[in-house]
Amino acid sequence: MRLEVWVPIALSCVMAIVAIVTLAKNTKKDTAADAVQRASMTADLKYIRSSVDDIKLENRSMQRDVGELKIRVTEIDQSVKSAHKRLDDMQKGHNV
């Protein structure tokens, strides 16, 4: 065969090899970028999970505190009612 036939075939082969190498290189870069993105997302999710857990604990503590305050307010309310009754009784005793 003549040189005019081999040169285009050789150039085509070289270009095909360059294209394959470039594709492989870009695939590795994409894979690395995906790994970095996944690692970042995983770290973000862990932070969010930790924050939610903290909020849940704080909410439980606040619910406990509110429950204790309800009991205390009820006790104070009963005490105030009792004091008012005693005062009313004392006023009735002095008015008679």
PDB file of N, CA and C in Angstrom:
ATOM      1  N   MET A   1       0.829  -1.171   0.000  1.00  0.00           N
ATOM      2  CA  MET A   1       0.000   0.000   0.000  1.00  0.00           C
ATOM      3  C   MET A   1       0.878   1.239   0.000  1.00  0.00           C
ATOM      4  N   ARG A   2       0.255   2.268  -0.381  1.00  0.00           N
ATOM      5  CA  ARG A   2       0.994   3.510  -0.545  1.00  0.00           C
ATOM      6  C   ARG A   2       0.940   4.354   0.722  1.00  0.00           C
ATOM      7  N   LEU A   3       1.833   5.285   0.824  1.00  0.00           N
ATOM      8  CA  LEU A   3       1.959   6.149   1.998  1.00  0.00           C
ATOM      9  C   LEU A   3       0.722   7.014   2.194  1.00  0.00           C
ATOM     10  N   GLU A   4       0.077   7.428   1.101  1.00  0.00           N
ATOM     11  CA  GLU A   4      -1.117   8.277   1.200  1.00  0.00           C
ATOM     12  C   GLU A   4      -2.253   7.563   1.938  1.00  0.00           C
ATOM     13  N   VAL A   5      -2.247   6.253   1.929  1.00  0.00           N
ATOM     14  CA  VAL A   5      -3.288   5.479   2.600  1.00  0.00           C
ATOM     15  C   VAL A   5      -2.921   5.285   4.071  1.00  0.00           C
ATOM     16  N   TRP A   6      -1.642   5.029   4.365  1.00  0.00           N
ATOM     17  CA  TRP A   6      -1.215   4.745   5.732  1.00  0.00           C
ATOM     18  C   TRP A   6      -1.216   5.982   6.621  1.00  0.00           C
ATOM     19  N   VAL A   7      -0.918   7.123   6.098  1.00  0.00           N
ATOM     20  CA  VAL A   7      -0.861   8.346   6.918  1.00  0.00           C
ATOM     21  C   VAL A   7      -2.228   8.664   7.527  1.00  0.00           C
ATOM     22  N   PRO A   8      -3.336   8.703   6.752  1.00  0.00           N
ATOM     23  CA  PRO A   8      -4.641   8.982   7.367  1.00  0.00           C
ATOM     24  C   PRO A   8      -5.057   7.893   8.378  1.00  0.00           C
ATOM     25  N   ILE A   9      -4.712   6.635   8.073  1.00  0.00           N
ATOM     26  CA  ILE A   9      -5.052   5.554   9.003  1.00  0.00           C
ATOM     27  C   ILE A   9      -4.266   5.729  10.306  1.00  0.00           C
ATOM     28  N   ALA A  10      -2.973   6.039  10.209  1.00  0.00           N
ATOM     29  CA  ALA A  10      -2.143   6.239  11.395  1.00  0.00           C
ATOM     30  C   ALA A  10      -2.628   7.442  12.200  1.00  0.00           C
ATOM     31  N   LEU A  11      -2.958   8.530  11.518  1.00  0.00           N
ATOM     32  CA  LEU A  11      -3.474   9.713  12.216  1.00  0.00           C
ATOM     33  C   LEU A  11      -4.802   9.407  12.909  1.00  0.00           C
ATOM     34  N   SER A  12      -5.644   8.662  12.263  1.00  0.00           N
ATOM     35  CA  SER A  12      -6.929   8.280  12.859  1.00  0.00           C
ATOM     36  C   SER A  12      -6.708   7.442  14.116  1.00  0.00           C
ATOM     37  N   CYS A  13      -5.761   6.516  14.056  1.00  0.00           N
ATOM     38  CA  CYS A  13      -5.453   5.683  15.221  1.00  0.00           C
ATOM     39  C   CYS A  13      -4.909   6.528  16.370  1.00  0.00           C
ATOM     40  N   VAL A  14      -4.002   7.444  16.075  1.00  0.00           N
ATOM     41  CA  VAL A  14      -3.429   8.314  17.101  1.00  0.00           C
ATOM     42  C   VAL A  14      -4.528   9.176  17.727  1.00  0.00           C
ATOM     43  N   MET A  15      -5.410   9.725  16.898  1.00  0.00           N
ATOM     44  CA  MET A  15      -6.500  10.557  17.409  1.00  0.00           C
ATOM     45  C   MET A  15      -7.458   9.733  18.269  1.00  0.00           C
ATOM     46  N   ALA A  16      -7.707   8.504  17.878  1.00  0.00           N
ATOM     47  CA  ALA A  16      -8.575   7.626  18.658  1.00  0.00           C
ATOM     48  C   ALA A  16      -7.943   7.344  20.018  1.00  0.00           C
ATOM     49  N   ILE A  17      -6.630   7.094  20.043  1.00  0.00           N
ATOM     50  CA  ILE A  17      -5.926   6.835  21.299  1.00  0.00           C
ATOM     51  C   ILE A  17      -5.967   8.073  22.198  1.00  0.00           C
ATOM     52  N   VAL A  18      -5.735   9.245  21.626  1.00  0.00           N
ATOM     53  CA  VAL A  18      -5.787  10.491  22.400  1.00  0.00           C
ATOM     54  C   VAL A  18      -7.194  10.696  22.965  1.00  0.00           C
ATOM     55  N   ALA A  19      -8.207  10.435  22.160  1.00  0.00           N
ATOM     56  CA  ALA A  19      -9.590  10.591  22.626  1.00  0.00           C
ATOM     57  C   ALA A  19      -9.888   9.630  23.776  1.00  0.00           C
ATOM     58  N   ILE A  20      -9.438   8.393  23.672  1.00  0.00           N
ATOM     59  CA  ILE A  20      -9.667   7.405  24.730  1.00  0.00           C
ATOM     60  C   ILE A  20      -8.953   7.811  26.011  1.00  0.00           C
ATOM     61  N   VAL A  21      -7.695   8.262  25.904  1.00  0.00           N
ATOM     62  CA  VAL A  21      -6.928   8.693  27.073  1.00  0.00           C
ATOM     63  C   VAL A  21      -7.593   9.907  27.725  1.00  0.00           C
ATOM     64  N   THR A  22      -8.031  10.854  26.910  1.00  0.00           N
ATOM     65  CA  THR A  22      -8.708  12.047  27.441  1.00  0.00           C
ATOM     66  C   THR A  22     -10.006  11.670  28.142  1.00  0.00           C
ATOM     67  N   LEU A  23     -10.767  10.784  27.560  1.00  0.00           N
ATOM     68  CA  LEU A  23     -12.013  10.326  28.168  1.00  0.00           C
ATOM     69  C   LEU A  23     -11.743   9.646  29.514  1.00  0.00           C
ATOM     70  N   ALA A  24     -10.732   8.796  29.543  1.00  0.00           N
ATOM     71  CA  ALA A  24     -10.389   8.110  30.793  1.00  0.00           C
ATOM     72  C   ALA A  24      -9.957   9.106  31.862  1.00  0.00           C
ATOM     73  N   LYS A  25      -9.179  10.104  31.469  1.00  0.00           N
ATOM     74  CA  LYS A  25      -8.706  11.121  32.395  1.00  0.00           C
ATOM     75  C   LYS A  25      -9.880  11.936  32.955  1.00  0.00           C
ATOM     76  N   ASN A  26     -10.790  12.327  32.069  1.00  0.00           N
ATOM     77  CA  ASN A  26     -11.954  13.090  32.507  1.00  0.00           C
ATOM     78  C   ASN A  26     -12.868  12.255  33.401  1.00  0.00           C
ATOM     79  N   THR A  27     -12.970  10.972  33.121  1.00  0.00           N
ATOM     80  CA  THR A  27     -13.784  10.091  33.952  1.00  0.00           C
ATOM     81  C   THR A  27     -13.202  10.021  35.360  1.00  0.00           C
ATOM     82  N   LYS A  28     -11.876   9.935  35.475  1.00  0.00           N
ATOM     83  CA  LYS A  28     -11.236   9.915  36.785  1.00  0.00           C
ATOM     84  C   LYS A  28     -11.490  11.224  37.534  1.00  0.00           C
ATOM     85  N   LYS A  29     -11.416  12.362  36.817  1.00  0.00           N
ATOM     86  CA  LYS A  29     -11.674  13.653  37.448  1.00  0.00           C
ATOM     87  C   LYS A  29     -13.118  13.722  37.939  1.00  0.00           C
ATOM     88  N   ASP A  30     -14.049  13.250  37.104  1.00  0.00           N
ATOM     89  CA  ASP A  30     -15.459  13.260  37.495  1.00  0.00           C
ATOM     90  C   ASP A  30     -15.682  12.374  38.714  1.00  0.00           C
ATOM     91  N   THR A  31     -15.035  11.222  38.735  1.00  0.00           N
ATOM     92  CA  THR A  31     -15.171  10.310  39.873  1.00  0.00           C
ATOM     93  C   THR A  31     -14.627  10.959  41.139  1.00  0.00           C
ATOM     94  N   ALA A  32     -13.494  11.623  41.034  1.00  0.00           N
ATOM     95  CA  ALA A  32     -12.911  12.304  42.190  1.00  0.00           C
ATOM     96  C   ALA A  32     -13.816  13.431  42.663  1.00  0.00           C
ATOM     97  N   ALA A  33     -14.367  14.190  41.729  1.00  0.00           N
ATOM     98  CA  ALA A  33     -15.273  15.286  42.089  1.00  0.00           C
ATOM     99  C   ALA A  33     -16.532  14.730  42.762  1.00  0.00           C
ATOM    100  N   ASP A  34     -17.039  13.615  42.250  1.00  0.00           N
ATOM    101  CA  ASP A  34     -18.210  12.983  42.863  1.00  0.00           C
ATOM    102  C   ASP A  34     -17.893  12.514  44.280  1.00  0.00           C
ATOM    103  N   ALA A  35     -16.712  11.972  44.467  1.00  0.00           N
ATOM    104  CA  ALA A  35     -16.315  11.499  45.802  1.00  0.00           C
ATOM    105  C   ALA A  35     -16.225  12.671  46.775  1.00  0.00           C
ATOM    106  N   VAL A  36     -15.664  13.779  46.337  1.00  0.00           N
ATOM    107  CA  VAL A  36     -15.560  14.964  47.194  1.00  0.00           C
ATOM    108  C   VAL A  36     -16.961  15.477  47.528  1.00  0.00           C
ATOM    109  N   GLN A  37     -17.832  15.519  46.541  1.00  0.00           N
ATOM    110  CA  GLN A  37     -19.194  15.995  46.770  1.00  0.00           C
ATOM    111  C   GLN A  37     -19.942  15.066  47.733  1.00  0.00           C
ATOM    112  N   ARG A  38     -19.788  13.770  47.567  1.00  0.00           N
ATOM    113  CA  ARG A  38     -20.451  12.822  48.465  1.00  0.00           C
ATOM    114  C   ARG A  38     -19.920  12.944  49.885  1.00  0.00           C
ATOM    115  N   ALA A  39     -18.614  13.125  50.022  1.00  0.00           N
ATOM    116  CA  ALA A  39     -18.028  13.285  51.354  1.00  0.00           C
ATOM    117  C   ALA A  39     -18.562  14.551  52.021  1.00  0.00           C
ATOM    118  N   SER A  40     -18.675  15.611  51.251  1.00  0.00           N
ATOM    119  CA  SER A  40     -19.209  16.865  51.778  1.00  0.00           C
ATOM    120  C   SER A  40     -20.663  16.702  52.206  1.00  0.00           C
ATOM    121  N   MET A  41     -21.444  16.030  51.384  1.00  0.00           N
ATOM    122  CA  MET A  41     -22.855  15.802  51.720  1.00  0.00           C
ATOM    123  C   MET A  41     -22.982  14.922  52.952  1.00  0.00           C
ATOM    124  N   THR A  42     -22.132  13.919  53.071  1.00  0.00           N
ATOM    125  CA  THR A  42     -22.156  13.044  54.241  1.00  0.00           C
ATOM    126  C   THR A  42     -21.838  13.831  55.508  1.00  0.00           C
ATOM    127  N   ALA A  43     -20.841  14.696  55.424  1.00  0.00           N
ATOM    128  CA  ALA A  43     -20.485  15.525  56.583  1.00  0.00           C
ATOM    129  C   ALA A  43     -21.637  16.460  56.938  1.00  0.00           C
ATOM    130  N   ASP A  44     -22.270  17.050  55.924  1.00  0.00           N
ATOM    131  CA  ASP A  44     -23.409  17.932  56.170  1.00  0.00           C
ATOM    132  C   ASP A  44     -24.554  17.169  56.826  1.00  0.00           C
ATOM    133  N   LEU A  45     -24.828  15.974  56.361  1.00  0.00           N
ATOM    134  CA  LEU A  45     -25.904  15.166  56.941  1.00  0.00           C
ATOM    135  C   LEU A  45     -25.604  14.802  58.387  1.00  0.00           C
ATOM    136  N   LYS A  46     -24.346  14.484  58.679  1.00  0.00           N
ATOM    137  CA  LYS A  46     -23.968  14.171  60.059  1.00  0.00           C
ATOM    138  C   LYS A  46     -24.170  15.386  60.956  1.00  0.00           C
ATOM    139  N   TYR A  47     -23.812  16.561  60.457  1.00  0.00           N
ATOM    140  CA  TYR A  47     -23.999  17.792  61.225  1.00  0.00           C
ATOM    141  C   TYR A  47     -25.485  18.049  61.466  1.00  0.00           C
ATOM    142  N   ILE A  48     -26.301  17.863  60.440  1.00  0.00           N
ATOM    143  CA  ILE A  48     -27.747  18.063  60.574  1.00  0.00           C
ATOM    144  C   ILE A  48     -28.319  17.064  61.569  1.00  0.00           C
ATOM    145  N   ARG A  49     -27.908  15.806  61.467  1.00  0.00           N
ATOM    146  CA  ARG A  49     -28.391  14.773  62.396  1.00  0.00           C
ATOM    147  C   ARG A  49     -28.029  15.140  63.834  1.00  0.00           C
ATOM    148  N   SER A  50     -26.803  15.585  64.038  1.00  0.00           N
ATOM    149  CA  SER A  50     -26.360  15.979  65.374  1.00  0.00           C
ATOM    150  C   SER A  50     -27.174  17.168  65.885  1.00  0.00           C
ATOM    151  N   SER A  51     -27.434  18.129  65.019  1.00  0.00           N
ATOM    152  CA  SER A  51     -28.223  19.300  65.410  1.00  0.00           C
ATOM    153  C   SER A  51     -29.644  18.908  65.778  1.00  0.00           C
ATOM    154  N   VAL A  52     -30.239  18.015  65.003  1.00  0.00           N
ATOM    155  CA  VAL A  52     -31.598  17.554  65.293  1.00  0.00           C
ATOM    156  C   VAL A  52     -31.626  16.824  66.635  1.00  0.00           C
ATOM    157  N   ASP A  53     -30.623  15.999  66.895  1.00  0.00           N
ATOM    158  CA  ASP A  53     -30.552  15.301  68.180  1.00  0.00           C
ATOM    159  C   ASP A  53     -30.460  16.296  69.341  1.00  0.00           C
ATOM    160  N   ASP A  54     -29.654  17.346  69.161  1.00  0.00           N
ATOM    161  CA  ASP A  54     -29.534  18.375  70.192  1.00  0.00           C
ATOM    162  C   ASP A  54     -30.871  19.080  70.421  1.00  0.00           C
ATOM    163  N   ILE A  55     -31.569  19.372  69.345  1.00  0.00           N
ATOM    164  CA  ILE A  55     -32.871  20.035  69.450  1.00  0.00           C
ATOM    165  C   ILE A  55     -33.865  19.134  70.172  1.00  0.00           C
ATOM    166  N   LYS A  56     -33.840  17.847  69.859  1.00  0.00           N
ATOM    167  CA  LYS A  56     -34.742  16.910  70.534  1.00  0.00           C
ATOM    168  C   LYS A  56     -34.469  16.884  72.040  1.00  0.00           C
ATOM    169  N   LEU A  57     -33.192  16.828  72.415  1.00  0.00           N
ATOM    170  CA  LEU A  57     -32.841  16.821  73.843  1.00  0.00           C
ATOM    171  C   LEU A  57     -33.301  18.104  74.534  1.00  0.00           C
ATOM    172  N   GLU A  58     -33.068  19.227  73.866  1.00  0.00           N
ATOM    173  CA  GLU A  58     -33.481  20.504  74.437  1.00  0.00           C
ATOM    174  C   GLU A  58     -35.004  20.573  74.565  1.00  0.00           C
ATOM    175  N   ASN A  59     -35.710  20.047  73.578  1.00  0.00           N
ATOM    176  CA  ASN A  59     -37.169  20.039  73.610  1.00  0.00           C
ATOM    177  C   ASN A  59     -37.675  19.189  74.772  1.00  0.00           C
ATOM    178  N   ARG A  60     -37.073  18.023  74.971  1.00  0.00           N
ATOM    179  CA  ARG A  60     -37.467  17.170  76.105  1.00  0.00           C
ATOM    180  C   ARG A  60     -37.253  17.891  77.435  1.00  0.00           C
ATOM    181  N   SER A  61     -36.123  18.568  77.541  1.00  0.00           N
ATOM    182  CA  SER A  61     -35.821  19.307  78.762  1.00  0.00           C
ATOM    183  C   SER A  61     -36.844  20.414  78.990  1.00  0.00           C
ATOM    184  N   MET A  62     -37.194  21.127  77.931  1.00  0.00           N
ATOM    185  CA  MET A  62     -38.183  22.198  78.051  1.00  0.00           C
ATOM    186  C   MET A  62     -39.556  21.629  78.412  1.00  0.00           C
ATOM    187  N   GLN A  63     -39.920  20.492  77.845  1.00  0.00           N
ATOM    188  CA  GLN A  63     -41.196  19.867  78.185  1.00  0.00           C
ATOM    189  C   GLN A  63     -41.222  19.478  79.667  1.00  0.00           C
ATOM    190  N   ARG A  64     -40.120  18.958  80.145  1.00  0.00           N
ATOM    191  CA  ARG A  64     -40.010  18.587  81.561  1.00  0.00           C
ATOM    192  C   ARG A  64     -40.162  19.835  82.432  1.00  0.00           C
ATOM    193  N   ASP A  65     -39.473  20.916  82.041  1.00  0.00           N
ATOM    194  CA  ASP A  65     -39.558  22.164  82.803  1.00  0.00           C
ATOM    195  C   ASP A  65     -40.982  22.722  82.804  1.00  0.00           C
ATOM    196  N   VAL A  66     -41.643  22.678  81.659  1.00  0.00           N
ATOM    197  CA  VAL A  66     -43.020  23.171  81.573  1.00  0.00           C
ATOM    198  C   VAL A  66     -43.929  22.324  82.446  1.00  0.00           C
ATOM    199  N   GLY A  67     -43.727  21.016  82.448  1.00  0.00           N
ATOM    200  CA  GLY A  67     -44.517  20.137  83.304  1.00  0.00           C
ATOM    201  C   GLY A  67     -44.341  20.489  84.773  1.00  0.00           C
ATOM    202  N   GLU A  68     -43.096  20.728  85.180  1.00  0.00           N
ATOM    203  CA  GLU A  68     -42.827  21.103  86.565  1.00  0.00           C
ATOM    204  C   GLU A  68     -43.461  22.448  86.900  1.00  0.00           C
ATOM    205  N   LEU A  69     -43.421  23.381  85.937  1.00  0.00           N
ATOM    206  CA  LEU A  69     -44.036  24.691  86.171  1.00  0.00           C
ATOM    207  C   LEU A  69     -45.556  24.577  86.298  1.00  0.00           C
ATOM    208  N   LYS A  70     -46.169  23.700  85.503  1.00  0.00           N
ATOM    209  CA  LYS A  70     -47.619  23.490  85.604  1.00  0.00           C
ATOM    210  C   LYS A  70     -47.985  23.008  87.002  1.00  0.00           C
ATOM    211  N   ILE A  71     -47.210  22.048  87.515  1.00  0.00           N
ATOM    212  CA  ILE A  71     -47.465  21.537  88.860  1.00  0.00           C
ATOM    213  C   ILE A  71     -47.306  22.654  89.886  1.00  0.00           C
ATOM    214  N   ARG A  72     -46.240  23.422  89.749  1.00  0.00           N
ATOM    215  CA  ARG A  72     -45.978  24.517  90.697  1.00  0.00           C
ATOM    216  C   ARG A  72     -47.075  25.573  90.633  1.00  0.00           C
ATOM    217  N   VAL A  73     -47.525  25.938  89.428  1.00  0.00           N
ATOM    218  CA  VAL A  73     -48.587  26.933  89.275  1.00  0.00           C
ATOM    219  C   VAL A  73     -49.877  26.413  89.908  1.00  0.00           C
ATOM    220  N   THR A  74     -50.171  25.141  89.724  1.00  0.00           N
ATOM    221  CA  THR A  74     -51.362  24.550  90.334  1.00  0.00           C
ATOM    222  C   THR A  74     -51.277  24.629  91.849  1.00  0.00           C
ATOM    223  N   GLU A  75     -50.111  24.320  92.412  1.00  0.00           N
ATOM    224  CA  GLU A  75     -49.930  24.402  93.864  1.00  0.00           C
ATOM    225  C   GLU A  75     -50.100  25.828  94.368  1.00  0.00           C
ATOM    226  N   ILE A  76     -49.520  26.769  93.634  1.00  0.00           N
ATOM    227  CA  ILE A  76     -49.622  28.183  94.025  1.00  0.00           C
ATOM    228  C   ILE A  76     -51.070  28.651  93.915  1.00  0.00           C
ATOM    229  N   ASP A  77     -51.752  28.231  92.865  1.00  0.00           N
ATOM    230  CA  ASP A  77     -53.156  28.589  92.689  1.00  0.00           C
ATOM    231  C   ASP A  77     -53.995  28.100  93.869  1.00  0.00           C
ATOM    232  N   GLN A  78     -53.756  26.869  94.295  1.00  0.00           N
ATOM    233  CA  GLN A  78     -54.486  26.321  95.441  1.00  0.00           C
ATOM    234  C   GLN A  78     -54.156  27.105  96.712  1.00  0.00           C
ATOM    235  N   SER A  79     -52.894  27.461  96.860  1.00  0.00           N
ATOM    236  CA  SER A  79     -52.478  28.221  98.030  1.00  0.00           C
ATOM    237  C   SER A  79     -53.129  29.601  98.033  1.00  0.00           C
ATOM    238  N   VAL A  80     -53.179  30.254  96.893  1.00  0.00           N
ATOM    239  CA  VAL A  80     -53.801  31.579  96.784  1.00  0.00           C
ATOM    240  C   VAL A  80     -55.290  31.483  97.089  1.00  0.00           C
ATOM    241  N   LYS A  81     -55.966  30.464  96.564  1.00  0.00           N
ATOM    242  CA  LYS A  81     -57.395  30.282  96.839  1.00  0.00           C
ATOM    243  C   LYS A  81     -57.627  30.098  98.335  1.00  0.00           C
ATOM    244  N   SER A  82     -56.764  29.308  98.957  1.00  0.00           N
ATOM    245  CA  SER A  82     -56.881  29.071 100.395  1.00  0.00           C
ATOM    246  C   SER A  82     -56.660  30.370 101.175  1.00  0.00           C
ATOM    247  N   ALA A  83     -55.679  31.145 100.755  1.00  0.00           N
ATOM    248  CA  ALA A  83     -55.398  32.420 101.432  1.00  0.00           C
ATOM    249  C   ALA A  83     -56.567  33.378 101.258  1.00  0.00           C
ATOM    250  N   HIS A  84     -57.145  33.445 100.057  1.00  0.00           N
ATOM    251  CA  HIS A  84     -58.303  34.318  99.827  1.00  0.00           C
ATOM    252  C   HIS A  84     -59.484  33.894 100.699  1.00  0.00           C
ATOM    253  N   LYS A  85     -59.654  32.589 100.823  1.00  0.00           N
ATOM    254  CA  LYS A  85     -60.761  32.100 101.647  1.00  0.00           C
ATOM    255  C   LYS A  85     -60.548  32.502 103.102  1.00  0.00           C
ATOM    256  N   ARG A  86     -59.328  32.381 103.583  1.00  0.00           N
ATOM    257  CA  ARG A  86     -59.034  32.773 104.956  1.00  0.00           C
ATOM    258  C   ARG A  86     -59.244  34.272 105.152  1.00  0.00           C
ATOM    259  N   LEU A  87     -58.803  35.058 104.149  1.00  0.00           N
ATOM    260  CA  LEU A  87     -59.004  36.509 104.237  1.00  0.00           C
ATOM    261  C   LEU A  87     -60.496  36.858 104.236  1.00  0.00           C
ATOM    262  N   ASP A  88     -61.252  36.192 103.346  1.00  0.00           N
ATOM    263  CA  ASP A  88     -62.691  36.427 103.304  1.00  0.00           C
ATOM    264  C   ASP A  88     -63.332  36.070 104.633  1.00  0.00           C
ATOM    265  N   ASP A  89     -62.924  34.944 105.215  1.00  0.00           N
ATOM    266  CA  ASP A  89     -63.460  34.525 106.511  1.00  0.00           C
ATOM    267  C   ASP A  89     -63.109  35.546 107.603  1.00  0.00           C
ATOM    268  N   MET A  90     -61.890  36.076 107.548  1.00  0.00           N
ATOM    269  CA  MET A  90     -61.472  37.059 108.539  1.00  0.00           C
ATOM    270  C   MET A  90     -62.276  38.345 108.392  1.00  0.00           C
ATOM    271  N   GLN A  91     -62.533  38.768 107.132  1.00  0.00           N
ATOM    272  CA  GLN A  91     -63.305  39.981 106.905  1.00  0.00           C
ATOM    273  C   GLN A  91     -64.752  39.796 107.383  1.00  0.00           C
ATOM    274  N   LYS A  92     -65.299  38.628 107.155  1.00  0.00           N
ATOM    275  CA  LYS A  92     -66.668  38.359 107.599  1.00  0.00           C
ATOM    276  C   LYS A  92     -66.727  38.388 109.126  1.00  0.00           C
ATOM    277  N   GLY A  93     -65.724  37.900 109.783  1.00  0.00           N
ATOM    278  CA  GLY A  93     -65.680  37.882 111.245  1.00  0.00           C
ATOM    279  C   GLY A  93     -65.588  39.276 111.813  1.00  0.00           C
ATOM    280  N   HIS A  94     -64.918  40.201 111.147  1.00  0.00           N
ATOM    281  CA  HIS A  94     -64.787  41.559 111.650  1.00  0.00           C
ATOM    282  C   HIS A  94     -66.019  42.400 111.334  1.00  0.00           C
ATOM    283  N   ASN A  95     -66.729  42.068 110.275  1.00  0.00           N
ATOM    284  CA  ASN A  95     -67.914  42.831 109.877  1.00  0.00           C
ATOM    285  C   ASN A  95     -69.138  42.471 110.693  1.00  0.00           C
ATOM    286  N   VAL A  96     -69.112  41.349 111.313  1.00  0.00           N
ATOM    287  CA  VAL A  96     -70.289  40.905 112.034  1.00  0.00           C
ATOM    288  C   VAL A  96     -70.476  41.607 113.327  1.00  0.00           C
TER     289      VAL A  96
END
